[in-house]
Protein backbone atom coordinates (compact mmCIF):
# COMPACT_ATOMS: atom_id res chain seq x y z
CA UNK A 1 13.07 0.79 16.45
CA UNK A 2 11.16 1.11 13.16
CA UNK A 3 9.17 4.01 14.60
CA UNK A 4 12.38 5.84 15.62
CA UNK A 5 13.75 5.52 12.06
CA UNK A 6 10.56 7.01 10.59
CA UNK A 7 10.86 9.99 12.91
CA UNK A 8 14.57 10.42 12.38
CA UNK A 9 14.47 10.50 8.57
CA UNK A 10 12.52 13.80 8.25
CA UNK A 11 14.75 15.43 10.87
CA UNK A 12 17.92 14.39 9.05
CA UNK A 13 16.52 15.52 5.69
CA UNK A 14 15.56 18.92 7.10
CA UNK A 15 19.05 19.34 8.57
CA UNK A 16 20.74 18.42 5.28
CA UNK A 17 18.56 20.82 3.29
CA UNK A 18 19.18 23.60 5.82
CA UNK A 19 22.93 23.13 5.79
CA UNK A 20 23.35 22.62 2.05
CA UNK A 21 21.49 25.70 0.87
CA UNK A 22 22.92 27.89 -1.83
CA UNK A 23 25.32 30.67 -0.90
CA UNK A 24 24.49 34.17 -2.04
CA UNK A 25 26.75 37.12 -2.73
CA UNK A 26 27.01 39.99 -0.32
CA UNK A 27 24.20 42.45 -1.03
CA UNK A 28 25.56 45.81 -2.19
CA UNK A 29 22.79 47.78 -0.45
CA UNK A 30 23.51 46.00 2.84
CA UNK A 31 27.17 47.08 2.62
CA UNK A 32 26.29 50.81 2.58
CA UNK A 33 26.76 52.45 6.01
CA UNK A 34 23.52 53.92 7.29
CA UNK A 35 24.44 57.24 8.80
CA UNK A 36 27.99 58.24 8.00
CA UNK A 37 28.84 61.67 9.33
CA UNK A 38 31.60 63.04 7.06
CA UNK A 39 33.92 65.61 8.62
CA UNK A 40 34.00 67.50 5.29
CA UNK A 41 32.13 67.30 2.03
CA UNK A 42 34.75 67.58 -0.72
CA UNK A 43 33.82 69.75 -3.72
CA UNK A 44 35.57 67.40 -6.14
CA UNK A 45 34.68 64.44 -8.32
CA UNK A 46 35.92 60.93 -7.68
CA UNK A 47 36.16 57.70 -9.68
CA UNK A 48 36.08 54.44 -7.72
CA UNK A 49 37.98 51.29 -8.65
CA UNK A 50 37.96 48.04 -6.67
CA UNK A 51 39.96 44.83 -6.74
CA UNK A 52 40.61 41.73 -4.68
CA UNK A 53 36.99 40.63 -4.48
CA UNK A 54 35.56 37.51 -6.02
CA UNK A 55 32.12 36.42 -7.17
CA UNK A 56 30.21 33.79 -5.25
CA UNK A 57 30.38 30.46 -7.07
CA UNK A 58 27.71 27.77 -7.05
CA UNK A 59 29.71 25.57 -4.67
CA UNK A 60 31.41 28.42 -2.79
CA UNK A 61 30.64 30.33 0.38
CA UNK A 62 29.42 33.94 0.17
CA UNK A 63 31.92 36.45 -1.22
CA UNK A 64 32.13 40.14 -2.08
CA UNK A 65 32.45 40.82 -5.79
CA UNK A 66 34.46 43.81 -7.04
CA UNK A 67 31.33 45.17 -8.73
CA UNK A 68 29.22 45.01 -5.56
CA UNK A 69 31.96 46.57 -3.42
CA UNK A 70 32.39 49.36 -5.98
CA UNK A 71 28.64 50.04 -6.06
CA UNK A 72 28.43 50.08 -2.24
CA UNK A 73 31.32 52.56 -1.99
CA UNK A 74 29.83 54.78 -4.71
CA UNK A 75 26.39 54.71 -3.07
CA UNK A 76 27.98 55.60 0.28
CA UNK A 77 29.86 58.54 -1.26
CA UNK A 78 26.71 59.86 -2.96
CA UNK A 79 24.34 59.34 -0.02
CA UNK A 80 26.72 60.96 2.44
CA UNK A 81 28.07 63.64 0.06
CA UNK A 82 31.70 62.79 0.79
CA UNK A 83 32.55 64.05 -2.72
CA UNK A 84 30.61 66.36 -5.02
CA UNK A 85 30.12 63.58 -7.58
CA UNK A 86 31.08 60.06 -8.57
CA UNK A 87 32.06 59.75 -12.22
CA UNK A 88 32.28 56.70 -14.47
CA UNK A 89 34.75 56.23 -17.31
CA UNK A 90 35.92 59.84 -17.53
CA UNK A 91 38.51 61.96 -15.84
CA UNK A 92 37.76 62.70 -12.21
CA UNK A 93 39.56 65.01 -9.84
CA UNK A 94 40.48 62.00 -7.69
CA UNK A 95 40.76 58.24 -8.13
CA UNK A 96 39.81 56.09 -5.15
CA UNK A 97 41.18 52.56 -5.31
CA UNK A 98 39.99 50.02 -2.74
CA UNK A 99 41.57 46.58 -2.76
CA UNK A 100 40.56 43.67 -0.55
CA UNK A 101 43.83 42.18 0.70
CA UNK A 102 42.54 39.79 3.37
CA UNK A 103 39.17 38.16 4.00
CA UNK A 104 38.78 35.64 6.80
CA UNK A 105 35.48 33.72 6.84
CA UNK A 106 34.53 30.98 9.30
CA UNK A 107 33.41 27.58 8.06
CA UNK A 108 30.91 26.73 10.80
CA UNK A 109 29.60 27.85 14.18
CA UNK A 110 26.68 29.53 15.88
CA UNK A 111 28.39 32.92 15.62
CA UNK A 112 30.21 33.88 12.44
CA UNK A 113 32.85 36.61 12.62
CA UNK A 114 34.22 37.85 9.30
CA UNK A 115 37.46 39.83 9.27
CA UNK A 116 38.19 42.08 6.30
CA UNK A 117 41.24 44.14 5.44
CA UNK A 118 41.26 46.52 2.50
CA UNK A 119 43.81 49.02 1.23
CA UNK A 120 42.34 52.45 0.49
CA UNK A 121 44.33 54.74 -1.84
CA UNK A 122 43.20 58.20 -2.98
CA UNK A 123 45.15 59.73 -5.87
CA UNK A 124 44.89 63.33 -7.09
CA UNK A 125 44.59 63.10 -10.89
CA UNK A 126 46.22 66.44 -11.80
CA UNK A 127 49.66 65.46 -10.52
CA UNK A 128 49.14 61.71 -9.75
CA UNK A 129 50.08 62.30 -6.11
CA UNK A 130 48.89 59.88 -3.44
CA UNK A 131 47.00 61.97 -0.90
CA UNK A 132 45.75 59.08 1.22
CA UNK A 133 46.84 55.50 1.70
CA UNK A 134 45.66 53.31 4.55
CA UNK A 135 45.02 49.72 5.42
CA UNK A 136 41.54 49.49 6.95
CA UNK A 137 40.69 46.47 9.09
CA UNK A 138 37.13 45.66 10.05
CA UNK A 139 35.05 42.80 11.33
CA UNK A 140 31.46 41.90 12.03
CA UNK A 141 29.80 39.06 13.90
CA UNK A 142 26.43 37.55 12.99
CA UNK A 143 24.87 35.25 15.56
CA UNK A 144 22.26 32.52 15.50
CA UNK A 145 19.70 35.12 16.62
CA UNK A 146 20.44 37.12 13.43
CA UNK A 147 19.77 34.11 11.19
CA UNK A 148 19.20 30.44 11.94
CA UNK A 149 20.60 29.33 8.56
CA UNK A 150 24.41 29.28 8.51
CA UNK A 151 24.71 30.53 4.93
CA UNK A 152 22.61 33.59 5.74
CA UNK A 153 24.61 34.20 8.92
CA UNK A 154 27.84 34.17 6.89
CA UNK A 155 26.43 36.61 4.33
CA UNK A 156 25.27 38.97 7.12
CA UNK A 157 28.70 38.87 8.75
CA UNK A 158 30.36 39.53 5.38
CA UNK A 159 28.08 42.49 4.64
CA UNK A 160 28.66 43.92 8.12
CA UNK A 161 32.45 43.68 7.81
CA UNK A 162 32.32 45.42 4.41
CA UNK A 163 29.93 48.09 5.75
CA UNK A 164 32.29 48.79 8.69
CA UNK A 165 35.28 48.95 6.33
CA UNK A 166 33.53 51.41 4.01
CA UNK A 167 32.49 53.56 6.96
CA UNK A 168 36.05 53.70 8.33
CA UNK A 169 37.62 54.40 4.93
CA UNK A 170 35.21 57.18 3.93
CA UNK A 171 35.27 58.76 7.38
CA UNK A 172 39.08 59.00 7.18
CA UNK A 173 38.93 60.42 3.63
CA UNK A 174 36.27 62.97 4.63
CA UNK A 175 38.66 64.35 7.27
CA UNK A 176 41.31 65.20 4.64
CA UNK A 177 41.95 68.73 3.41
CA UNK A 178 41.74 68.37 -0.36
């Protein structure tokens, strides 16, 4: 009996350490779609604004911050030439506003599926007309084979759902006639 307790203690400690690790925010680079094929490359400038995200707290599960989502969208626009340029703090031809309205994250499991819904709104600055408005729903599943640690699996699923959402939103915008 004593021998069993000595063997069980390290196993229990390893499990507790593995399960109680620190959560990390979604990585902005991991949220950028790899090979987006835009239907058109718009010869206009765009300013990106995001809302609805939240930073990852010390005792919280992984989240998407507004700043990281904004950077991922901007990087996607630049890398895939969806617009001629992304501008900061000055007048752009268009304003793109992306707001996270629903984020469903699992608490436990071997496979984590994150569901994300964001509203995408593109406004033409010259006359303040809304040229595009759509709710984009996406999801991504990370399995035990992707990462053994649950916290990492959740972050991977979160990044994948955001990446899929960005890909869908920018693909739809690239098909517009601006």
